[in-house]
Every structure is written in C-alpha cells, then in structure tokens.
C-alpha cells in the first residue's frame, strides 16, 4: 500500500478552472469506482493552494488511467505558480481516514 500527498499552488484566476478539472476526476471515479484507490482533494484557505492525498493498494494506480485525470494533469504546469510537489506519507496514526487496520495512538 502506498500513500502520497501532492501539493501545489495555482495562479491567480486559475483556481476555479483547476477545481472544475478535479471535480471531473471525481465524477469519473464515482462512475467507474476503481478498486484499491482512496483519494481526496482539498482547497486550502488561501484559495489557490490544493492538496491531494491518495492511498493505493498494489503497484498500479487506477487514477492514472482515467481520461479526466489525464486532462487534469495535462495542463497543470500552465495553471501553477508553484508546481506540484509529491511526498510519500508514512502513517504515524489516523482515525477513520484510511483503510489501515493499524491504529496509531496519536
């Protein structure tokens, strides 16, 4: 199981377009309901920064196969002031956030 977080900041005037593209990804995810993927996207309070968090079972990420996700990533560089930075996540603890059976105490 892999967990990753991606954070980036879009240019002024691009937040709504970015959000539309993200919503299209979720629309397709709900239609296809791929196994082995848990995914969330957040818009931060500055209105321009976004954070995506994904948990993927196995080696293949079904998100990468979605046409809507391909459309989202195709123009991400043009929409961004700060490009996407990806970080692997190592769980210290969580409460009902991921499917993990291991429960942390923090």
PDB file of N, CA and C in Angstrom:
ATOM      1  N   UNK A   1       0.840  -1.165   0.000  1.00  0.00           N
ATOM      2  CA  UNK A   1       0.000   0.000   0.000  1.00  0.00           C
ATOM      3  C   UNK A   1       0.897   1.243   0.000  1.00  0.00           C
ATOM      4  N   UNK A   2       0.550   2.174  -0.870  1.00  0.00           N
ATOM      5  CA  UNK A   2       1.299   3.430  -0.956  1.00  0.00           C
ATOM      6  C   UNK A   2       0.378   4.590  -0.627  1.00  0.00           C
ATOM      7  N   UNK A   3       0.943   5.560   0.059  1.00  0.00           N
ATOM      8  CA  UNK A   3       0.210   6.798   0.346  1.00  0.00           C
ATOM      9  C   UNK A   3       1.055   7.954  -0.129  1.00  0.00           C
ATOM     10  N   UNK A   4       0.400   8.897  -0.765  1.00  0.00           N
ATOM     11  CA  UNK A   4       1.121  10.036  -1.315  1.00  0.00           C
ATOM     12  C   UNK A   4       0.281  11.300  -1.126  1.00  0.00           C
ATOM     13  N   UNK A   5       0.991  12.408  -0.955  1.00  0.00           N
ATOM     14  CA  UNK A   5       0.359  13.709  -0.887  1.00  0.00           C
ATOM     15  C   UNK A   5       0.996  14.591  -1.953  1.00  0.00           C
ATOM     16  N   UNK A   6       0.177  15.327  -2.677  1.00  0.00           N
ATOM     17  CA  UNK A   6       0.667  16.260  -3.693  1.00  0.00           C
ATOM     18  C   UNK A   6       0.113  17.633  -3.347  1.00  0.00           C
ATOM     19  N   UNK A   7       1.009  18.618  -3.331  1.00  0.00           N
ATOM     20  CA  UNK A   7       0.598  19.985  -3.009  1.00  0.00           C
ATOM     21  C   UNK A   7       1.117  20.928  -4.088  1.00  0.00           C
ATOM     22  N   UNK A   8       0.292  21.908  -4.449  1.00  0.00           N
ATOM     23  CA  UNK A   8       0.681  22.902  -5.452  1.00  0.00           C
ATOM     24  C   UNK A   8      -0.172  24.149  -5.264  1.00  0.00           C
ATOM     25  N   UNK A   9       0.259  25.233  -5.889  1.00  0.00           N
ATOM     26  CA  UNK A   9      -0.479  26.496  -5.844  1.00  0.00           C
ATOM     27  C   UNK A   9      -0.718  26.967  -7.267  1.00  0.00           C
ATOM     28  N   UNK A  10      -1.975  27.244  -7.577  1.00  0.00           N
ATOM     29  CA  UNK A  10      -2.317  27.716  -8.913  1.00  0.00           C
ATOM     30  C   UNK A  10      -2.175  29.234  -8.994  1.00  0.00           C
ATOM     31  N   UNK A  11      -2.084  29.703 -10.221  1.00  0.00           N
ATOM     32  CA  UNK A  11      -2.002  31.139 -10.479  1.00  0.00           C
ATOM     33  C   UNK A  11      -3.339  31.801 -10.156  1.00  0.00           C
ATOM     34  N   UNK A  12      -3.271  33.084  -9.847  1.00  0.00           N
ATOM     35  CA  UNK A  12      -4.480  33.870  -9.651  1.00  0.00           C
ATOM     36  C   UNK A  12      -5.374  33.695 -10.877  1.00  0.00           C
ATOM     37  N   UNK A  13      -6.652  33.458 -10.664  1.00  0.00           N
ATOM     38  CA  UNK A  13      -7.589  33.273 -11.764  1.00  0.00           C
ATOM     39  C   UNK A  13      -7.686  31.849 -12.288  1.00  0.00           C
ATOM     40  N   UNK A  14      -6.911  30.920 -11.740  1.00  0.00           N
ATOM     41  CA  UNK A  14      -6.923  29.532 -12.206  1.00  0.00           C
ATOM     42  C   UNK A  14      -7.569  28.552 -11.227  1.00  0.00           C
ATOM     43  N   UNK A  15      -7.913  29.023 -10.044  1.00  0.00           N
ATOM     44  CA  UNK A  15      -8.432  28.113  -9.015  1.00  0.00           C
ATOM     45  C   UNK A  15      -9.749  27.465  -9.435  1.00  0.00           C
ATOM     46  N   UNK A  16     -10.646  28.245 -10.013  1.00  0.00           N
ATOM     47  CA  UNK A  16     -11.936  27.681 -10.406  1.00  0.00           C
ATOM     48  C   UNK A  16     -11.771  26.663 -11.525  1.00  0.00           C
ATOM     49  N   UNK A  17     -10.931  26.960 -12.485  1.00  0.00           N
ATOM     50  CA  UNK A  17     -10.672  26.007 -13.579  1.00  0.00           C
ATOM     51  C   UNK A  17     -10.062  24.729 -13.026  1.00  0.00           C
ATOM     52  N   UNK A  18      -9.110  24.871 -12.117  1.00  0.00           N
ATOM     53  CA  UNK A  18      -8.486  23.701 -11.510  1.00  0.00           C
ATOM     54  C   UNK A  18      -9.526  22.872 -10.765  1.00  0.00           C
ATOM     55  N   UNK A  19     -10.386  23.542 -10.023  1.00  0.00           N
ATOM     56  CA  UNK A  19     -11.417  22.834  -9.275  1.00  0.00           C
ATOM     57  C   UNK A  19     -12.385  22.110 -10.214  1.00  0.00           C
ATOM     58  N   UNK A  20     -12.731  22.720 -11.336  1.00  0.00           N
ATOM     59  CA  UNK A  20     -13.589  22.058 -12.330  1.00  0.00           C
ATOM     60  C   UNK A  20     -12.952  20.766 -12.829  1.00  0.00           C
ATOM     61  N   UNK A  21     -11.661  20.827 -13.117  1.00  0.00           N
ATOM     62  CA  UNK A  21     -10.950  19.646 -13.606  1.00  0.00           C
ATOM     63  C   UNK A  21     -10.894  18.556 -12.533  1.00  0.00           C
ATOM     64  N   UNK A  22     -10.683  18.964 -11.298  1.00  0.00           N
ATOM     65  CA  UNK A  22     -10.656  18.000 -10.188  1.00  0.00           C
ATOM     66  C   UNK A  22     -12.034  17.366 -10.021  1.00  0.00           C
ATOM     67  N   UNK A  23     -13.077  18.162 -10.087  1.00  0.00           N
ATOM     68  CA  UNK A  23     -14.436  17.621  -9.951  1.00  0.00           C
ATOM     69  C   UNK A  23     -14.751  16.618 -11.075  1.00  0.00           C
ATOM     70  N   UNK A  24     -14.227  16.857 -12.256  1.00  0.00           N
ATOM     71  CA  UNK A  24     -14.412  15.902 -13.360  1.00  0.00           C
ATOM     72  C   UNK A  24     -13.746  14.568 -13.039  1.00  0.00           C
ATOM     73  N   UNK A  25     -12.594  14.616 -12.378  1.00  0.00           N
ATOM     74  CA  UNK A  25     -11.921  13.375 -11.951  1.00  0.00           C
ATOM     75  C   UNK A  25     -12.813  12.617 -10.980  1.00  0.00           C
ATOM     76  N   UNK A  26     -13.383  13.334 -10.012  1.00  0.00           N
ATOM     77  CA  UNK A  26     -14.248  12.659  -9.036  1.00  0.00           C
ATOM     78  C   UNK A  26     -15.521  12.121  -9.682  1.00  0.00           C
ATOM     79  N   UNK A  27     -16.045  12.831 -10.641  1.00  0.00           N
ATOM     80  CA  UNK A  27     -17.218  12.336 -11.367  1.00  0.00           C
ATOM     81  C   UNK A  27     -16.893  10.989 -12.024  1.00  0.00           C
ATOM     82  N   UNK A  28     -15.742  10.934 -12.678  1.00  0.00           N
ATOM     83  CA  UNK A  28     -15.341   9.684 -13.334  1.00  0.00           C
ATOM     84  C   UNK A  28     -15.035   8.592 -12.315  1.00  0.00           C
ATOM     85  N   UNK A  29     -14.412   8.958 -11.200  1.00  0.00           N
ATOM     86  CA  UNK A  29     -14.147   7.973 -10.152  1.00  0.00           C
ATOM     87  C   UNK A  29     -15.450   7.368  -9.634  1.00  0.00           C
ATOM     88  N   UNK A  30     -16.456   8.204  -9.430  1.00  0.00           N
ATOM     89  CA  UNK A  30     -17.738   7.691  -8.939  1.00  0.00           C
ATOM     90  C   UNK A  30     -18.423   6.804  -9.978  1.00  0.00           C
ATOM     91  N   UNK A  31     -18.238   7.111 -11.249  1.00  0.00           N
ATOM     92  CA  UNK A  31     -18.815   6.268 -12.304  1.00  0.00           C
ATOM     93  C   UNK A  31     -18.117   4.920 -12.390  1.00  0.00           C
ATOM     94  N   UNK A  32     -16.783   4.930 -12.334  1.00  0.00           N
ATOM     95  CA  UNK A  32     -16.008   3.698 -12.542  1.00  0.00           C
ATOM     96  C   UNK A  32     -15.754   2.920 -11.259  1.00  0.00           C
ATOM     97  N   UNK A  33     -15.694   3.613 -10.136  1.00  0.00           N
ATOM     98  CA  UNK A  33     -15.461   3.010  -8.825  1.00  0.00           C
ATOM     99  C   UNK A  33     -14.298   2.006  -8.818  1.00  0.00           C
ATOM    100  N   UNK A  34     -13.096   2.467  -9.170  1.00  0.00           N
ATOM    101  CA  UNK A  34     -11.956   1.537  -9.222  1.00  0.00           C
ATOM    102  C   UNK A  34     -11.581   1.005  -7.838  1.00  0.00           C
ATOM    103  N   UNK A  35     -11.222  -0.253  -7.818  1.00  0.00           N
ATOM    104  CA  UNK A  35     -10.791  -0.893  -6.578  1.00  0.00           C
ATOM    105  C   UNK A  35      -9.374  -0.440  -6.222  1.00  0.00           C
ATOM    106  N   UNK A  36      -9.073  -0.465  -4.940  1.00  0.00           N
ATOM    107  CA  UNK A  36      -7.710  -0.221  -4.484  1.00  0.00           C
ATOM    108  C   UNK A  36      -7.280   1.228  -4.468  1.00  0.00           C
ATOM    109  N   UNK A  37      -8.218   2.157  -4.508  1.00  0.00           N
ATOM    110  CA  UNK A  37      -7.882   3.582  -4.501  1.00  0.00           C
ATOM    111  C   UNK A  37      -8.776   4.314  -3.523  1.00  0.00           C
ATOM    112  N   UNK A  38      -8.139   5.098  -2.668  1.00  0.00           N
ATOM    113  CA  UNK A  38      -8.831   6.051  -1.820  1.00  0.00           C
ATOM    114  C   UNK A  38      -8.167   7.390  -2.094  1.00  0.00           C
ATOM    115  N   UNK A  39      -8.973   8.435  -2.279  1.00  0.00           N
ATOM    116  CA  UNK A  39      -8.441   9.684  -2.823  1.00  0.00           C
ATOM    117  C   UNK A  39      -9.245  10.865  -2.312  1.00  0.00           C
ATOM    118  N   UNK A  40      -8.571  11.934  -1.967  1.00  0.00           N
ATOM    119  CA  UNK A  40      -9.244  13.153  -1.519  1.00  0.00           C
ATOM    120  C   UNK A  40      -8.457  14.362  -2.005  1.00  0.00           C
ATOM    121  N   UNK A  41      -9.183  15.439  -2.278  1.00  0.00           N
ATOM    122  CA  UNK A  41      -8.569  16.694  -2.701  1.00  0.00           C
ATOM    123  C   UNK A  41      -9.120  17.813  -1.834  1.00  0.00           C
ATOM    124  N   UNK A  42      -8.236  18.716  -1.445  1.00  0.00           N
ATOM    125  CA  UNK A  42      -8.611  19.830  -0.589  1.00  0.00           C
ATOM    126  C   UNK A  42      -8.106  21.136  -1.182  1.00  0.00           C
ATOM    127  N   UNK A  43      -8.921  22.172  -1.092  1.00  0.00           N
ATOM    128  CA  UNK A  43      -8.505  23.526  -1.462  1.00  0.00           C
ATOM    129  C   UNK A  43      -8.230  24.256  -0.157  1.00  0.00           C
ATOM    130  N   UNK A  44      -7.033  24.790  -0.025  1.00  0.00           N
ATOM    131  CA  UNK A  44      -6.639  25.423   1.229  1.00  0.00           C
ATOM    132  C   UNK A  44      -7.230  26.824   1.354  1.00  0.00           C
ATOM    133  N   UNK A  45      -7.135  27.388   2.547  1.00  0.00           N
ATOM    134  CA  UNK A  45      -7.817  28.649   2.828  1.00  0.00           C
ATOM    135  C   UNK A  45      -7.255  29.857   2.085  1.00  0.00           C
ATOM    136  N   UNK A  46      -6.094  29.733   1.463  1.00  0.00           N
ATOM    137  CA  UNK A  46      -5.604  30.840   0.635  1.00  0.00           C
ATOM    138  C   UNK A  46      -6.354  30.907  -0.693  1.00  0.00           C
ATOM    139  N   UNK A  47      -7.140  29.872  -0.994  1.00  0.00           N
ATOM    140  CA  UNK A  47      -7.945  29.835  -2.197  1.00  0.00           C
ATOM    141  C   UNK A  47      -7.193  29.423  -3.450  1.00  0.00           C
ATOM    142  N   UNK A  48      -5.873  29.316  -3.362  1.00  0.00           N
ATOM    143  CA  UNK A  48      -5.053  28.995  -4.531  1.00  0.00           C
ATOM    144  C   UNK A  48      -4.257  27.702  -4.384  1.00  0.00           C
ATOM    145  N   UNK A  49      -4.120  27.218  -3.164  1.00  0.00           N
ATOM    146  CA  UNK A  49      -3.335  26.004  -2.918  1.00  0.00           C
ATOM    147  C   UNK A  49      -4.258  24.800  -2.815  1.00  0.00           C
ATOM    148  N   UNK A  50      -3.789  23.689  -3.377  1.00  0.00           N
ATOM    149  CA  UNK A  50      -4.536  22.440  -3.367  1.00  0.00           C
ATOM    150  C   UNK A  50      -3.650  21.335  -2.817  1.00  0.00           C
ATOM    151  N   UNK A  51      -4.280  20.392  -2.128  1.00  0.00           N
ATOM    152  CA  UNK A  51      -3.597  19.209  -1.616  1.00  0.00           C
ATOM    153  C   UNK A  51      -4.418  17.992  -2.033  1.00  0.00           C
ATOM    154  N   UNK A  52      -3.739  17.021  -2.617  1.00  0.00           N
ATOM    155  CA  UNK A  52      -4.356  15.743  -2.986  1.00  0.00           C
ATOM    156  C   UNK A  52      -3.696  14.671  -2.121  1.00  0.00           C
ATOM    157  N   UNK A  53      -4.501  13.780  -1.573  1.00  0.00           N
ATOM    158  CA  UNK A  53      -3.998  12.674  -0.770  1.00  0.00           C
ATOM    159  C   UNK A  53      -4.576  11.395  -1.360  1.00  0.00           C
ATOM    160  N   UNK A  54      -3.699  10.438  -1.622  1.00  0.00           N
ATOM    161  CA  UNK A  54      -4.145   9.171  -2.201  1.00  0.00           C
ATOM    162  C   UNK A  54      -3.541   8.004  -1.452  1.00  0.00           C
ATOM    163  N   UNK A  55      -4.315   6.948  -1.372  1.00  0.00           N
ATOM    164  CA  UNK A  55      -3.850   5.668  -0.861  1.00  0.00           C
ATOM    165  C   UNK A  55      -4.151   4.652  -1.947  1.00  0.00           C
ATOM    166  N   UNK A  56      -3.116   3.939  -2.379  1.00  0.00           N
ATOM    167  CA  UNK A  56      -3.243   2.997  -3.486  1.00  0.00           C
ATOM    168  C   UNK A  56      -2.770   1.624  -3.026  1.00  0.00           C
ATOM    169  N   UNK A  57      -3.614   0.628  -3.240  1.00  0.00           N
ATOM    170  CA  UNK A  57      -3.231  -0.755  -2.971  1.00  0.00           C
ATOM    171  C   UNK A  57      -2.511  -1.286  -4.204  1.00  0.00           C
ATOM    172  N   UNK A  58      -1.465  -2.036  -4.020  1.00  0.00           N
ATOM    173  CA  UNK A  58      -0.770  -2.646  -5.144  1.00  0.00           C
ATOM    174  C   UNK A  58       0.130  -1.678  -5.889  1.00  0.00           C
ATOM    175  N   UNK A  59       0.611  -2.132  -7.014  1.00  0.00           N
ATOM    176  CA  UNK A  59       1.577  -1.366  -7.799  1.00  0.00           C
ATOM    177  C   UNK A  59       0.930  -0.380  -8.761  1.00  0.00           C
ATOM    178  N   UNK A  60      -0.226  -0.718  -9.300  1.00  0.00           N
ATOM    179  CA  UNK A  60      -0.869   0.108 -10.317  1.00  0.00           C
ATOM    180  C   UNK A  60      -1.839   1.091  -9.680  1.00  0.00           C
ATOM    181  N   UNK A  61      -1.714   2.358 -10.079  1.00  0.00           N
ATOM    182  CA  UNK A  61      -2.610   3.395  -9.596  1.00  0.00           C
ATOM    183  C   UNK A  61      -3.726   3.590 -10.623  1.00  0.00           C
ATOM    184  N   UNK A  62      -4.961   3.183 -10.305  1.00  0.00           N
ATOM    185  CA  UNK A  62      -6.051   3.297 -11.268  1.00  0.00           C
ATOM    186  C   UNK A  62      -6.371   4.748 -11.646  1.00  0.00           C
ATOM    187  N   UNK A  63      -5.999   5.679 -10.817  1.00  0.00           N
ATOM    188  CA  UNK A  63      -6.227   7.094 -11.101  1.00  0.00           C
ATOM    189  C   UNK A  63      -5.526   7.518 -12.381  1.00  0.00           C
ATOM    190  N   UNK A  64      -4.344   6.974 -12.617  1.00  0.00           N
ATOM    191  CA  UNK A  64      -3.535   7.361 -13.776  1.00  0.00           C
ATOM    192  C   UNK A  64      -4.151   6.948 -15.105  1.00  0.00           C
ATOM    193  N   UNK A  65      -5.115   6.038 -15.074  1.00  0.00           N
ATOM    194  CA  UNK A  65      -5.751   5.549 -16.295  1.00  0.00           C
ATOM    195  C   UNK A  65      -6.993   6.338 -16.690  1.00  0.00           C
ATOM    196  N   UNK A  66      -7.482   7.188 -15.805  1.00  0.00           N
ATOM    197  CA  UNK A  66      -8.721   7.916 -16.076  1.00  0.00           C
ATOM    198  C   UNK A  66      -8.503   9.056 -17.065  1.00  0.00           C
ATOM    199  N   UNK A  67      -9.324   9.147 -18.107  1.00  0.00           N
ATOM    200  CA  UNK A  67      -9.220  10.267 -19.045  1.00  0.00           C
ATOM    201  C   UNK A  67      -9.345  11.631 -18.355  1.00  0.00           C
ATOM    202  N   UNK A  68     -10.213  11.731 -17.352  1.00  0.00           N
ATOM    203  CA  UNK A  68     -10.367  13.013 -16.651  1.00  0.00           C
ATOM    204  C   UNK A  68      -9.101  13.384 -15.877  1.00  0.00           C
ATOM    205  N   UNK A  69      -8.415  12.392 -15.320  1.00  0.00           N
ATOM    206  CA  UNK A  69      -7.169  12.680 -14.605  1.00  0.00           C
ATOM    207  C   UNK A  69      -6.072  13.074 -15.589  1.00  0.00           C
ATOM    208  N   UNK A  70      -6.053  12.420 -16.742  1.00  0.00           N
ATOM    209  CA  UNK A  70      -5.086  12.789 -17.777  1.00  0.00           C
ATOM    210  C   UNK A  70      -5.324  14.224 -18.242  1.00  0.00           C
ATOM    211  N   UNK A  71      -6.591  14.628 -18.376  1.00  0.00           N
ATOM    212  CA  UNK A  71      -6.916  16.003 -18.761  1.00  0.00           C
ATOM    213  C   UNK A  71      -6.488  16.977 -17.671  1.00  0.00           C
ATOM    214  N   UNK A  72      -6.686  16.601 -16.411  1.00  0.00           N
ATOM    215  CA  UNK A  72      -6.284  17.435 -15.281  1.00  0.00           C
ATOM    216  C   UNK A  72      -4.770  17.650 -15.270  1.00  0.00           C
ATOM    217  N   UNK A  73      -4.013  16.579 -15.431  1.00  0.00           N
ATOM    218  CA  UNK A  73      -2.548  16.693 -15.344  1.00  0.00           C
ATOM    219  C   UNK A  73      -1.930  17.320 -16.591  1.00  0.00           C
ATOM    220  N   UNK A  74      -2.622  17.247 -17.724  1.00  0.00           N
ATOM    221  CA  UNK A  74      -2.065  17.766 -18.978  1.00  0.00           C
ATOM    222  C   UNK A  74      -1.715  19.244 -18.894  1.00  0.00           C
ATOM    223  N   UNK A  75      -2.521  20.046 -18.221  1.00  0.00           N
ATOM    224  CA  UNK A  75      -2.267  21.483 -18.172  1.00  0.00           C
ATOM    225  C   UNK A  75      -1.881  22.007 -16.813  1.00  0.00           C
ATOM    226  N   UNK A  76      -1.492  21.122 -15.913  1.00  0.00           N
ATOM    227  CA  UNK A  76      -1.223  21.558 -14.543  1.00  0.00           C
ATOM    228  C   UNK A  76      -0.081  22.572 -14.474  1.00  0.00           C
ATOM    229  N   UNK A  77       0.949  22.387 -15.252  1.00  0.00           N
ATOM    230  CA  UNK A  77       2.093  23.304 -15.218  1.00  0.00           C
ATOM    231  C   UNK A  77       1.719  24.717 -15.612  1.00  0.00           C
ATOM    232  N   UNK A  78       0.811  24.840 -16.565  1.00  0.00           N
ATOM    233  CA  UNK A  78       0.373  26.158 -17.025  1.00  0.00           C
ATOM    234  C   UNK A  78      -0.510  26.849 -16.004  1.00  0.00           C
ATOM    235  N   UNK A  79      -1.205  26.071 -15.170  1.00  0.00           N
ATOM    236  CA  UNK A  79      -2.097  26.648 -14.162  1.00  0.00           C
ATOM    237  C   UNK A  79      -1.374  27.041 -12.885  1.00  0.00           C
ATOM    238  N   UNK A  80      -0.147  26.552 -12.695  1.00  0.00           N
ATOM    239  CA  UNK A  80       0.506  26.679 -11.394  1.00  0.00           C
ATOM    240  C   UNK A  80       1.501  27.827 -11.281  1.00  0.00           C
ATOM    241  N   UNK A  81       1.496  28.452 -10.104  1.00  0.00           N
ATOM    242  CA  UNK A  81       2.562  29.346  -9.663  1.00  0.00           C
ATOM    243  C   UNK A  81       3.662  28.513  -8.999  1.00  0.00           C
ATOM    244  N   UNK A  82       3.236  27.567  -8.162  1.00  0.00           N
ATOM    245  CA  UNK A  82       4.143  26.617  -7.520  1.00  0.00           C
ATOM    246  C   UNK A  82       3.769  25.236  -8.043  1.00  0.00           C
ATOM    247  N   UNK A  83       4.696  24.565  -8.729  1.00  0.00           N
ATOM    248  CA  UNK A  83       4.364  23.269  -9.340  1.00  0.00           C
ATOM    249  C   UNK A  83       4.083  22.191  -8.295  1.00  0.00           C
ATOM    250  N   UNK A  84       3.427  21.123  -8.712  1.00  0.00           N
ATOM    251  CA  UNK A  84       3.126  20.035  -7.790  1.00  0.00           C
ATOM    252  C   UNK A  84       4.391  19.418  -7.181  1.00  0.00           C
ATOM    253  N   UNK A  85       4.323  19.205  -5.874  1.00  0.00           N
ATOM    254  CA  UNK A  85       5.382  18.516  -5.139  1.00  0.00           C
ATOM    255  C   UNK A  85       4.740  17.296  -4.498  1.00  0.00           C
ATOM    256  N   UNK A  86       5.294  16.138  -4.800  1.00  0.00           N
ATOM    257  CA  UNK A  86       4.760  14.879  -4.311  1.00  0.00           C
ATOM    258  C   UNK A  86       5.606  14.376  -3.141  1.00  0.00           C
ATOM    259  N   UNK A  87       4.923  13.897  -2.101  1.00  0.00           N
ATOM    260  CA  UNK A  87       5.603  13.346  -0.928  1.00  0.00           C
ATOM    261  C   UNK A  87       4.950  12.030  -0.549  1.00  0.00           C
ATOM    262  N   UNK A  88       5.775  11.041  -0.254  1.00  0.00           N
ATOM    263  CA  UNK A  88       5.249   9.790   0.289  1.00  0.00           C
ATOM    264  C   UNK A  88       4.878  10.022   1.740  1.00  0.00           C
ATOM    265  N   UNK A  89       3.827   9.358   2.179  1.00  0.00           N
ATOM    266  CA  UNK A  89       3.353   9.511   3.550  1.00  0.00           C
ATOM    267  C   UNK A  89       3.570   8.224   4.327  1.00  0.00           C
ATOM    268  N   UNK A  90       4.107   8.354   5.514  1.00  0.00           N
ATOM    269  CA  UNK A  90       4.259   7.228   6.432  1.00  0.00           C
ATOM    270  C   UNK A  90       3.364   7.507   7.634  1.00  0.00           C
ATOM    271  N   UNK A  91       2.355   6.685   7.799  1.00  0.00           N
ATOM    272  CA  UNK A  91       1.366   6.912   8.852  1.00  0.00           C
ATOM    273  C   UNK A  91       1.966   6.771  10.239  1.00  0.00           C
ATOM    274  N   UNK A  92       1.704   7.766  11.044  1.00  0.00           N
ATOM    275  CA  UNK A  92       2.054   7.731  12.460  1.00  0.00           C
ATOM    276  C   UNK A  92       0.819   7.339  13.252  1.00  0.00           C
ATOM    277  N   UNK A  93      -0.304   7.819  12.826  1.00  0.00           N
ATOM    278  CA  UNK A  93      -1.586   7.499  13.438  1.00  0.00           C
ATOM    279  C   UNK A  93      -2.687   8.084  12.584  1.00  0.00           C
ATOM    280  N   UNK A  94      -3.867   7.507  12.655  1.00  0.00           N
ATOM    281  CA  UNK A  94      -5.021   8.043  11.955  1.00  0.00           C
ATOM    282  C   UNK A  94      -6.279   7.546  12.639  1.00  0.00           C
ATOM    283  N   UNK A  95      -7.367   8.229  12.365  1.00  0.00           N
ATOM    284  CA  UNK A  95      -8.662   7.815  12.886  1.00  0.00           C
ATOM    285  C   UNK A  95      -9.662   7.891  11.751  1.00  0.00           C
ATOM    286  N   UNK A  96     -10.021   6.753  11.197  1.00  0.00           N
ATOM    287  CA  UNK A  96     -11.015   6.626  10.143  1.00  0.00           C
ATOM    288  C   UNK A  96     -10.667   7.383   8.861  1.00  0.00           C
ATOM    289  N   UNK A  97      -9.419   7.697   8.648  1.00  0.00           N
ATOM    290  CA  UNK A  97      -9.047   8.417   7.432  1.00  0.00           C
ATOM    291  C   UNK A  97      -8.708   7.455   6.311  1.00  0.00           C
ATOM    292  N   UNK A  98      -7.937   6.423   6.624  1.00  0.00           N
ATOM    293  CA  UNK A  98      -7.550   5.439   5.635  1.00  0.00           C
ATOM    294  C   UNK A  98      -8.105   4.091   6.029  1.00  0.00           C
ATOM    295  N   UNK A  99      -7.899   3.123   5.158  1.00  0.00           N
ATOM    296  CA  UNK A  99      -8.438   1.788   5.417  1.00  0.00           C
ATOM    297  C   UNK A  99      -7.548   0.945   6.320  1.00  0.00           C
ATOM    298  N   UNK A 100      -6.442   1.510   6.760  1.00  0.00           N
ATOM    299  CA  UNK A 100      -5.463   0.779   7.540  1.00  0.00           C
ATOM    300  C   UNK A 100      -6.095   0.123   8.771  1.00  0.00           C
ATOM    301  N   UNK A 101      -5.649  -1.096   9.052  1.00  0.00           N
ATOM    302  CA  UNK A 101      -6.101  -1.756  10.276  1.00  0.00           C
ATOM    303  C   UNK A 101      -5.212  -1.397  11.442  1.00  0.00           C
ATOM    304  N   UNK A 102      -4.016  -0.880  11.150  1.00  0.00           N
ATOM    305  CA  UNK A 102      -3.112  -0.450  12.213  1.00  0.00           C
ATOM    306  C   UNK A 102      -3.594   0.894  12.735  1.00  0.00           C
ATOM    307  N   UNK A 103      -3.776   1.002  14.008  1.00  0.00           N
ATOM    308  CA  UNK A 103      -4.253   2.247  14.594  1.00  0.00           C
ATOM    309  C   UNK A 103      -3.161   2.864  15.454  1.00  0.00           C
ATOM    310  N   UNK A 104      -2.898   4.123  15.179  1.00  0.00           N
ATOM    311  CA  UNK A 104      -1.930   4.845  15.976  1.00  0.00           C
ATOM    312  C   UNK A 104      -2.581   5.419  17.217  1.00  0.00           C
ATOM    313  N   UNK A 105      -1.788   5.870  18.119  1.00  0.00           N
ATOM    314  CA  UNK A 105      -2.306   6.439  19.334  1.00  0.00           C
ATOM    315  C   UNK A 105      -2.148   7.938  19.387  1.00  0.00           C
ATOM    316  N   UNK A 106      -1.777   8.560  18.291  1.00  0.00           N
ATOM    317  CA  UNK A 106      -1.522   9.989  18.348  1.00  0.00           C
ATOM    318  C   UNK A 106      -2.470  10.731  17.597  1.00  0.00           C
TER     319      UNK A 106
END
